[in-house]
Amino acid sequence: MGAQWKAKPKEAAANAKGKIFGKLVKEIMIAARNGADPDMNPKLRLAVHQAKKASMPKDTLERAIKKGAGLSGEVINYERTLYEGFAPHQVPVIVECLTDNLNRTVAEIRVLFRKGQLGSSGSVSWDFDHVGLIEATPENDADPELAAIEAGAQDFEPSDEGATLFVTDPTDLDAVSKALPEFGFTVQTAKLGYRPKNPVSGLSAEQLEEVEAFLEAIDNHDDVQHVYVGLSA
């Protein structure tokens, strides 16, 4: 299943755009803390690229940048927090949230984990590698293996819709993102995330359905940005 769980295409298409925009707005605001100019702020540049790819209205995008950079007069502080635990059938999960109310979020995440098991800090993360994750699409017949070697990525694997997921050391994320276009790849997303070391395999179709339902409920929470799961494809 790769480093990050994603809703199946049919389910993803059914999600309201407002929910997708809400997650992107938070990422933009966090990134804009380091400056409102995307040309001078790589994290903001990538967040803006993702927002445009999702067809976010220009005024929504500009408003998020101004809020994050403190130019609008509003003060909204989002805190990034991780929750670790298990989905049904002991499938390890890391949930990354951005919240302006930590007490509310932890209470609601506890409820969502009732069908699994919420663990303490470090209870699951030891079984994941903290890495850079770059999703990029090839131009013409660009070779992902050659691009990974030349750009300095640690590994690569197929991603959605013909894209490639390049895995990097956390400190190399920006350098590899900048290098990939030289080798025929257009970067779609680039972020720090988690990749399972020992993904669970051998679940029945019924068990997989239970895990998918659990993950979808987690991902649908407004404060959840990313869900990383140790489950084989």
C-alpha atoms as a PDB file:
ATOM      1  CA  MET A   1       0.000   0.000   0.000  1.00  0.00           C
ATOM      2  CA  GLY A   2       3.046   2.230   0.114  1.00  0.00           C
ATOM      3  CA  ALA A   3       3.993   4.888   2.594  1.00  0.00           C
ATOM      4  CA  GLN A   4       0.726   6.773   2.775  1.00  0.00           C
ATOM      5  CA  TRP A   5      -2.814   5.433   2.719  1.00  0.00           C
ATOM      6  CA  LYS A   6      -5.098   7.052   0.163  1.00  0.00           C
ATOM      7  CA  ALA A   7      -8.803   6.596  -0.372  1.00  0.00           C
ATOM      8  CA  LYS A   8      -9.761   4.473  -3.360  1.00  0.00           C
ATOM      9  CA  PRO A   9     -10.478   6.625  -6.452  1.00  0.00           C
ATOM     10  CA  LYS A  10     -14.249   6.148  -6.250  1.00  0.00           C
ATOM     11  CA  GLU A  11     -14.283   7.094  -2.580  1.00  0.00           C
ATOM     12  CA  ALA A  12     -11.863   9.976  -3.088  1.00  0.00           C
ATOM     13  CA  ALA A  13     -14.042  11.409  -5.861  1.00  0.00           C
ATOM     14  CA  ALA A  14     -17.030  11.307  -3.539  1.00  0.00           C
ATOM     15  CA  ASN A  15     -15.284  13.450  -0.922  1.00  0.00           C
ATOM     16  CA  ALA A  16     -16.371  17.082  -0.808  1.00  0.00           C
ATOM     17  CA  LYS A  17     -13.881  19.508  -2.341  1.00  0.00           C
ATOM     18  CA  GLY A  18     -14.270  21.644   0.753  1.00  0.00           C
ATOM     19  CA  LYS A  19     -12.654  18.917   2.861  1.00  0.00           C
ATOM     20  CA  ILE A  20      -9.723  18.634   0.441  1.00  0.00           C
ATOM     21  CA  PHE A  21      -9.339  22.411   0.350  1.00  0.00           C
ATOM     22  CA  GLY A  22      -9.445  22.534   4.156  1.00  0.00           C
ATOM     23  CA  LYS A  23      -6.410  20.272   4.408  1.00  0.00           C
ATOM     24  CA  LEU A  24      -4.549  22.197   1.728  1.00  0.00           C
ATOM     25  CA  VAL A  25      -5.315  25.550   3.377  1.00  0.00           C
ATOM     26  CA  LYS A  26      -3.733  24.332   6.621  1.00  0.00           C
ATOM     27  CA  GLU A  27      -0.588  23.192   4.796  1.00  0.00           C
ATOM     28  CA  ILE A  28      -0.371  26.559   3.025  1.00  0.00           C
ATOM     29  CA  MET A  29      -0.782  28.472   6.287  1.00  0.00           C
ATOM     30  CA  ILE A  30       1.908  26.415   8.039  1.00  0.00           C
ATOM     31  CA  ALA A  31       4.293  26.855   5.094  1.00  0.00           C
ATOM     32  CA  ALA A  32       3.608  30.605   4.824  1.00  0.00           C
ATOM     33  CA  ARG A  33       4.960  31.157   8.334  1.00  0.00           C
ATOM     34  CA  ASN A  34       8.392  31.166   6.683  1.00  0.00           C
ATOM     35  CA  GLY A  35       7.428  33.835   4.146  1.00  0.00           C
ATOM     36  CA  ALA A  36       4.581  34.726   1.802  1.00  0.00           C
ATOM     37  CA  ASP A  37       6.611  34.576  -1.431  1.00  0.00           C
ATOM     38  CA  PRO A  38       6.483  31.062  -2.997  1.00  0.00           C
ATOM     39  CA  ASP A  39       9.610  31.849  -5.046  1.00  0.00           C
ATOM     40  CA  MET A  40      11.594  32.284  -1.836  1.00  0.00           C
ATOM     41  CA  ASN A  41       9.817  29.591   0.194  1.00  0.00           C
ATOM     42  CA  PRO A  42      10.125  26.021  -1.225  1.00  0.00           C
ATOM     43  CA  LYS A  43       7.550  24.499   1.147  1.00  0.00           C
ATOM     44  CA  LEU A  44       5.010  27.164   0.264  1.00  0.00           C
ATOM     45  CA  ARG A  45       5.766  26.738  -3.445  1.00  0.00           C
ATOM     46  CA  LEU A  46       4.921  23.021  -3.243  1.00  0.00           C
ATOM     47  CA  ALA A  47       1.800  23.669  -1.153  1.00  0.00           C
ATOM     48  CA  VAL A  48       0.607  26.252  -3.688  1.00  0.00           C
ATOM     49  CA  HIS A  49       1.294  23.802  -6.532  1.00  0.00           C
ATOM     50  CA  GLN A  50      -0.871  21.160  -4.838  1.00  0.00           C
ATOM     51  CA  ALA A  51      -3.649  23.702  -4.249  1.00  0.00           C
ATOM     52  CA  LYS A  52      -3.663  24.758  -7.898  1.00  0.00           C
ATOM     53  CA  LYS A  53      -3.664  21.104  -8.984  1.00  0.00           C
ATOM     54  CA  ALA A  54      -6.829  20.657  -6.876  1.00  0.00           C
ATOM     55  CA  SER A  55      -8.382  23.749  -8.568  1.00  0.00           C
ATOM     56  CA  MET A  56      -8.481  25.828  -5.385  1.00  0.00           C
ATOM     57  CA  PRO A  57      -9.975  29.294  -6.086  1.00  0.00           C
ATOM     58  CA  LYS A  58      -7.355  32.047  -6.294  1.00  0.00           C
ATOM     59  CA  ASP A  59      -8.915  34.128  -3.512  1.00  0.00           C
ATOM     60  CA  THR A  60      -8.960  31.120  -1.148  1.00  0.00           C
ATOM     61  CA  LEU A  61      -5.295  30.476  -1.912  1.00  0.00           C
ATOM     62  CA  GLU A  62      -4.241  34.097  -1.415  1.00  0.00           C
ATOM     63  CA  ARG A  63      -6.236  34.395   1.806  1.00  0.00           C
ATOM     64  CA  ALA A  64      -4.535  31.283   3.235  1.00  0.00           C
ATOM     65  CA  ILE A  65      -1.073  32.668   2.411  1.00  0.00           C
ATOM     66  CA  LYS A  66      -1.870  36.014   4.063  1.00  0.00           C
ATOM     67  CA  LYS A  67      -3.254  34.327   7.195  1.00  0.00           C
ATOM     68  CA  GLY A  68      -0.266  32.041   7.532  1.00  0.00           C
ATOM     69  CA  ALA A  69       2.233  34.844   7.001  1.00  0.00           C
ATOM     70  CA  GLY A  70       0.440  37.063   9.548  1.00  0.00           C
ATOM     71  CA  LEU A  71      -0.545  39.669   6.950  1.00  0.00           C
ATOM     72  CA  SER A  72      -4.318  39.529   7.448  1.00  0.00           C
ATOM     73  CA  GLY A  73      -4.523  40.615  11.078  1.00  0.00           C
ATOM     74  CA  GLU A  74      -5.936  37.227  12.099  1.00  0.00           C
ATOM     75  CA  VAL A  75      -3.984  34.964  14.426  1.00  0.00           C
ATOM     76  CA  ILE A  76      -4.612  31.252  13.844  1.00  0.00           C
ATOM     77  CA  ASN A  77      -2.062  28.843  15.241  1.00  0.00           C
ATOM     78  CA  TYR A  78      -2.104  25.268  14.001  1.00  0.00           C
ATOM     79  CA  GLU A  79      -0.119  22.649  15.866  1.00  0.00           C
ATOM     80  CA  ARG A  80       1.192  19.523  14.145  1.00  0.00           C
ATOM     81  CA  THR A  81       0.677  16.365  16.221  1.00  0.00           C
ATOM     82  CA  LEU A  82       1.107  12.608  15.681  1.00  0.00           C
ATOM     83  CA  TYR A  83      -0.994   9.704  16.948  1.00  0.00           C
ATOM     84  CA  GLU A  84       0.227   6.120  16.833  1.00  0.00           C
ATOM     85  CA  GLY A  85      -1.632   2.859  17.156  1.00  0.00           C
ATOM     86  CA  PHE A  86      -3.183  -0.054  15.335  1.00  0.00           C
ATOM     87  CA  ALA A  87      -6.009  -0.464  12.882  1.00  0.00           C
ATOM     88  CA  PRO A  88      -8.012  -3.717  13.159  1.00  0.00           C
ATOM     89  CA  HIS A  89      -5.918  -6.900  12.850  1.00  0.00           C
ATOM     90  CA  GLN A  90      -2.839  -5.217  14.357  1.00  0.00           C
ATOM     91  CA  VAL A  91      -2.026  -3.108  11.299  1.00  0.00           C
ATOM     92  CA  PRO A  92       0.272  -0.266  12.479  1.00  0.00           C
ATOM     93  CA  VAL A  93      -0.878   3.287  11.765  1.00  0.00           C
ATOM     94  CA  ILE A  94       0.571   6.779  12.200  1.00  0.00           C
ATOM     95  CA  VAL A  95      -1.894   9.668  11.958  1.00  0.00           C
ATOM     96  CA  GLU A  96      -0.625  13.206  11.369  1.00  0.00           C
ATOM     97  CA  CYS A  97      -2.915  16.068  12.382  1.00  0.00           C
ATOM     98  CA  LEU A  98      -2.928  19.851  12.188  1.00  0.00           C
ATOM     99  CA  THR A  99      -5.159  21.348  14.864  1.00  0.00           C
ATOM    100  CA  ASP A 100      -6.009  24.632  16.554  1.00  0.00           C
ATOM    101  CA  ASN A 101      -7.513  22.756  19.533  1.00  0.00           C
ATOM    102  CA  LEU A 102      -5.373  19.878  20.785  1.00  0.00           C
ATOM    103  CA  ASN A 103      -7.829  18.765  23.499  1.00  0.00           C
ATOM    104  CA  ARG A 104     -10.687  18.445  21.004  1.00  0.00           C
ATOM    105  CA  THR A 105      -8.569  16.571  18.490  1.00  0.00           C
ATOM    106  CA  VAL A 106      -7.141  14.001  20.917  1.00  0.00           C
ATOM    107  CA  ALA A 107     -10.622  13.270  22.300  1.00  0.00           C
ATOM    108  CA  GLU A 108     -12.062  12.720  18.822  1.00  0.00           C
ATOM    109  CA  ILE A 109      -9.099  10.635  17.625  1.00  0.00           C
ATOM    110  CA  ARG A 110      -9.520   8.385  20.698  1.00  0.00           C
ATOM    111  CA  VAL A 111     -13.118   7.733  19.658  1.00  0.00           C
ATOM    112  CA  LEU A 112     -12.067   6.863  16.100  1.00  0.00           C
ATOM    113  CA  PHE A 113      -9.458   4.421  17.411  1.00  0.00           C
ATOM    114  CA  ARG A 114     -12.032   2.397  19.385  1.00  0.00           C
ATOM    115  CA  LYS A 115     -12.195  -0.098  16.506  1.00  0.00           C
ATOM    116  CA  GLY A 116      -8.429  -0.370  16.667  1.00  0.00           C
ATOM    117  CA  GLN A 117      -5.966   0.472  19.425  1.00  0.00           C
ATOM    118  CA  LEU A 118      -4.488   3.897  20.212  1.00  0.00           C
ATOM    119  CA  GLY A 119      -0.911   3.601  21.449  1.00  0.00           C
ATOM    120  CA  SER A 120       1.518   5.900  23.226  1.00  0.00           C
ATOM    121  CA  SER A 121       4.227   7.947  21.527  1.00  0.00           C
ATOM    122  CA  GLY A 122       6.836   5.600  20.061  1.00  0.00           C
ATOM    123  CA  SER A 123       4.630   2.502  20.235  1.00  0.00           C
ATOM    124  CA  VAL A 124       4.443   2.214  16.434  1.00  0.00           C
ATOM    125  CA  SER A 125       6.860   4.760  14.942  1.00  0.00           C
ATOM    126  CA  TRP A 126       9.839   2.481  15.638  1.00  0.00           C
ATOM    127  CA  ASP A 127       8.450   0.219  12.876  1.00  0.00           C
ATOM    128  CA  PHE A 128       8.482   3.056  10.314  1.00  0.00           C
ATOM    129  CA  ASP A 129      11.299   5.016   8.690  1.00  0.00           C
ATOM    130  CA  HIS A 130      11.012   8.809   8.802  1.00  0.00           C
ATOM    131  CA  VAL A 131      11.741   9.789   5.189  1.00  0.00           C
ATOM    132  CA  GLY A 132      11.220  12.333   2.451  1.00  0.00           C
ATOM    133  CA  LEU A 133       8.404  11.342   0.060  1.00  0.00           C
ATOM    134  CA  ILE A 134       8.305  12.840  -3.431  1.00  0.00           C
ATOM    135  CA  GLU A 135       5.558  11.971  -5.883  1.00  0.00           C
ATOM    136  CA  ALA A 136       6.558  12.840  -9.448  1.00  0.00           C
ATOM    137  CA  THR A 137       5.248  12.153 -12.950  1.00  0.00           C
ATOM    138  CA  PRO A 138       7.530  11.191 -15.863  1.00  0.00           C
ATOM    139  CA  GLU A 139       7.860  13.100 -19.115  1.00  0.00           C
ATOM    140  CA  ASN A 140       8.115  10.893 -22.197  1.00  0.00           C
ATOM    141  CA  ASP A 141      10.060   7.739 -21.272  1.00  0.00           C
ATOM    142  CA  ALA A 142      11.973   9.069 -18.249  1.00  0.00           C
ATOM    143  CA  ASP A 143      13.666   6.262 -16.311  1.00  0.00           C
ATOM    144  CA  PRO A 144      12.759   6.287 -12.574  1.00  0.00           C
ATOM    145  CA  GLU A 145      15.744   4.147 -11.595  1.00  0.00           C
ATOM    146  CA  LEU A 146      18.209   6.447 -13.325  1.00  0.00           C
ATOM    147  CA  ALA A 147      16.451   9.520 -11.917  1.00  0.00           C
ATOM    148  CA  ALA A 148      16.568   8.083  -8.378  1.00  0.00           C
ATOM    149  CA  ILE A 149      20.290   7.346  -8.621  1.00  0.00           C
ATOM    150  CA  GLU A 150      21.280  10.639 -10.221  1.00  0.00           C
ATOM    151  CA  ALA A 151      19.034  12.844  -8.057  1.00  0.00           C
ATOM    152  CA  GLY A 152      20.156  11.158  -4.825  1.00  0.00           C
ATOM    153  CA  ALA A 153      16.968   9.331  -3.775  1.00  0.00           C
ATOM    154  CA  GLN A 154      17.254   6.253  -1.551  1.00  0.00           C
ATOM    155  CA  ASP A 155      14.532   4.264  -3.291  1.00  0.00           C
ATOM    156  CA  PHE A 156      11.522   4.521  -5.610  1.00  0.00           C
ATOM    157  CA  GLU A 157       8.278   2.658  -6.245  1.00  0.00           C
ATOM    158  CA  PRO A 158       5.246   2.994  -8.538  1.00  0.00           C
ATOM    159  CA  SER A 159       2.545   5.388  -7.326  1.00  0.00           C
ATOM    160  CA  ASP A 160      -0.911   6.356  -8.605  1.00  0.00           C
ATOM    161  CA  GLU A 161      -1.757   7.036 -12.256  1.00  0.00           C
ATOM    162  CA  GLY A 162       1.696   6.352 -13.670  1.00  0.00           C
ATOM    163  CA  ALA A 163       3.525   8.507 -11.123  1.00  0.00           C
ATOM    164  CA  THR A 164       6.602   7.415  -9.173  1.00  0.00           C
ATOM    165  CA  LEU A 165       7.167   7.774  -5.424  1.00  0.00           C
ATOM    166  CA  PHE A 166      10.795   8.692  -4.676  1.00  0.00           C
ATOM    167  CA  VAL A 167      12.006   8.060  -1.115  1.00  0.00           C
ATOM    168  CA  THR A 168      14.807  10.207   0.306  1.00  0.00           C
ATOM    169  CA  ASP A 169      16.701  10.870   3.489  1.00  0.00           C
ATOM    170  CA  PRO A 170      14.783  13.643   5.326  1.00  0.00           C
ATOM    171  CA  THR A 171      17.681  16.090   4.891  1.00  0.00           C
ATOM    172  CA  ASP A 172      17.800  15.433   1.123  1.00  0.00           C
ATOM    173  CA  LEU A 173      14.130  16.144   0.384  1.00  0.00           C
ATOM    174  CA  ASP A 174      14.622  19.634  -1.034  1.00  0.00           C
ATOM    175  CA  ALA A 175      17.767  18.757  -3.027  1.00  0.00           C
ATOM    176  CA  VAL A 176      16.176  15.694  -4.663  1.00  0.00           C
ATOM    177  CA  SER A 177      12.984  17.666  -5.434  1.00  0.00           C
ATOM    178  CA  LYS A 178      15.060  20.272  -7.265  1.00  0.00           C
ATOM    179  CA  ALA A 179      17.133  17.645  -9.118  1.00  0.00           C
ATOM    180  CA  LEU A 180      14.339  15.382 -10.419  1.00  0.00           C
ATOM    181  CA  PRO A 181      13.173  17.736 -13.225  1.00  0.00           C
ATOM    182  CA  GLU A 182      16.662  17.457 -14.755  1.00  0.00           C
ATOM    183  CA  PHE A 183      15.961  13.754 -15.287  1.00  0.00           C
ATOM    184  CA  GLY A 184      12.502  14.050 -16.799  1.00  0.00           C
ATOM    185  CA  PHE A 185      10.212  14.094 -13.750  1.00  0.00           C
ATOM    186  CA  THR A 186       7.713  16.754 -12.696  1.00  0.00           C
ATOM    187  CA  VAL A 187       7.330  16.944  -8.906  1.00  0.00           C
ATOM    188  CA  GLN A 188       3.682  16.849  -7.775  1.00  0.00           C
ATOM    189  CA  THR A 189       4.128  16.621  -3.995  1.00  0.00           C
ATOM    190  CA  ALA A 190       7.107  16.589  -1.646  1.00  0.00           C
ATOM    191  CA  LYS A 191       6.930  16.178   2.108  1.00  0.00           C
ATOM    192  CA  LEU A 192       8.374  14.407   5.122  1.00  0.00           C
ATOM    193  CA  GLY A 193       6.469  11.273   6.068  1.00  0.00           C
ATOM    194  CA  TYR A 194       6.664   7.673   7.236  1.00  0.00           C
ATOM    195  CA  ARG A 195       7.355   4.415   5.421  1.00  0.00           C
ATOM    196  CA  PRO A 196       6.647   1.027   7.050  1.00  0.00           C
ATOM    197  CA  LYS A 197       9.582  -1.316   7.644  1.00  0.00           C
ATOM    198  CA  ASN A 198       7.526  -4.511   8.031  1.00  0.00           C
ATOM    199  CA  PRO A 199       4.104  -4.059   6.373  1.00  0.00           C
ATOM    200  CA  VAL A 200       1.408  -6.540   7.371  1.00  0.00           C
ATOM    201  CA  SER A 201       0.359  -9.004   4.677  1.00  0.00           C
ATOM    202  CA  GLY A 202      -1.900 -12.054   4.346  1.00  0.00           C
ATOM    203  CA  LEU A 203      -5.181 -10.444   5.445  1.00  0.00           C
ATOM    204  CA  SER A 204      -8.401 -11.834   4.009  1.00  0.00           C
ATOM    205  CA  ALA A 205     -10.695  -9.699   1.828  1.00  0.00           C
ATOM    206  CA  GLU A 206     -13.056  -9.271   4.786  1.00  0.00           C
ATOM    207  CA  GLN A 207     -10.222  -8.202   7.086  1.00  0.00           C
ATOM    208  CA  LEU A 208      -8.938  -5.734   4.490  1.00  0.00           C
ATOM    209  CA  GLU A 209     -12.415  -4.213   4.289  1.00  0.00           C
ATOM    210  CA  GLU A 210     -12.377  -3.655   8.054  1.00  0.00           C
ATOM    211  CA  VAL A 211      -8.968  -1.965   7.834  1.00  0.00           C
ATOM    212  CA  GLU A 212     -10.066   0.211   4.887  1.00  0.00           C
ATOM    213  CA  ALA A 213     -13.223   1.317   6.725  1.00  0.00           C
ATOM    214  CA  PHE A 214     -11.149   2.229   9.800  1.00  0.00           C
ATOM    215  CA  LEU A 215      -8.622   4.198   7.714  1.00  0.00           C
ATOM    216  CA  GLU A 216     -11.355   6.029   5.799  1.00  0.00           C
ATOM    217  CA  ALA A 217     -13.033   7.122   9.048  1.00  0.00           C
ATOM    218  CA  ILE A 218      -9.693   8.422  10.346  1.00  0.00           C
ATOM    219  CA  ASP A 219      -8.874  10.215   7.083  1.00  0.00           C
ATOM    220  CA  ASN A 220     -12.287  11.902   7.009  1.00  0.00           C
ATOM    221  CA  HIS A 221     -11.614  13.736  10.278  1.00  0.00           C
ATOM    222  CA  ASP A 222     -11.150  17.454   9.628  1.00  0.00           C
ATOM    223  CA  ASP A 223      -7.878  17.693  11.594  1.00  0.00           C
ATOM    224  CA  VAL A 224      -6.211  14.692   9.928  1.00  0.00           C
ATOM    225  CA  GLN A 225      -3.691  15.629   7.226  1.00  0.00           C
ATOM    226  CA  HIS A 226      -1.993  12.294   6.456  1.00  0.00           C
ATOM    227  CA  VAL A 227      -2.447   8.631   7.390  1.00  0.00           C
ATOM    228  CA  TYR A 228       0.551   6.265   7.157  1.00  0.00           C
ATOM    229  CA  VAL A 229      -0.143   2.543   7.376  1.00  0.00           C
ATOM    230  CA  GLY A 230       2.008  -0.585   7.575  1.00  0.00           C
ATOM    231  CA  LEU A 231       0.022  -2.691   5.115  1.00  0.00           C
ATOM    232  CA  SER A 232       1.223  -4.490   2.004  1.00  0.00           C
ATOM    233  CA  ALA A 233      -0.461  -3.571  -1.264  1.00  0.00           C
END
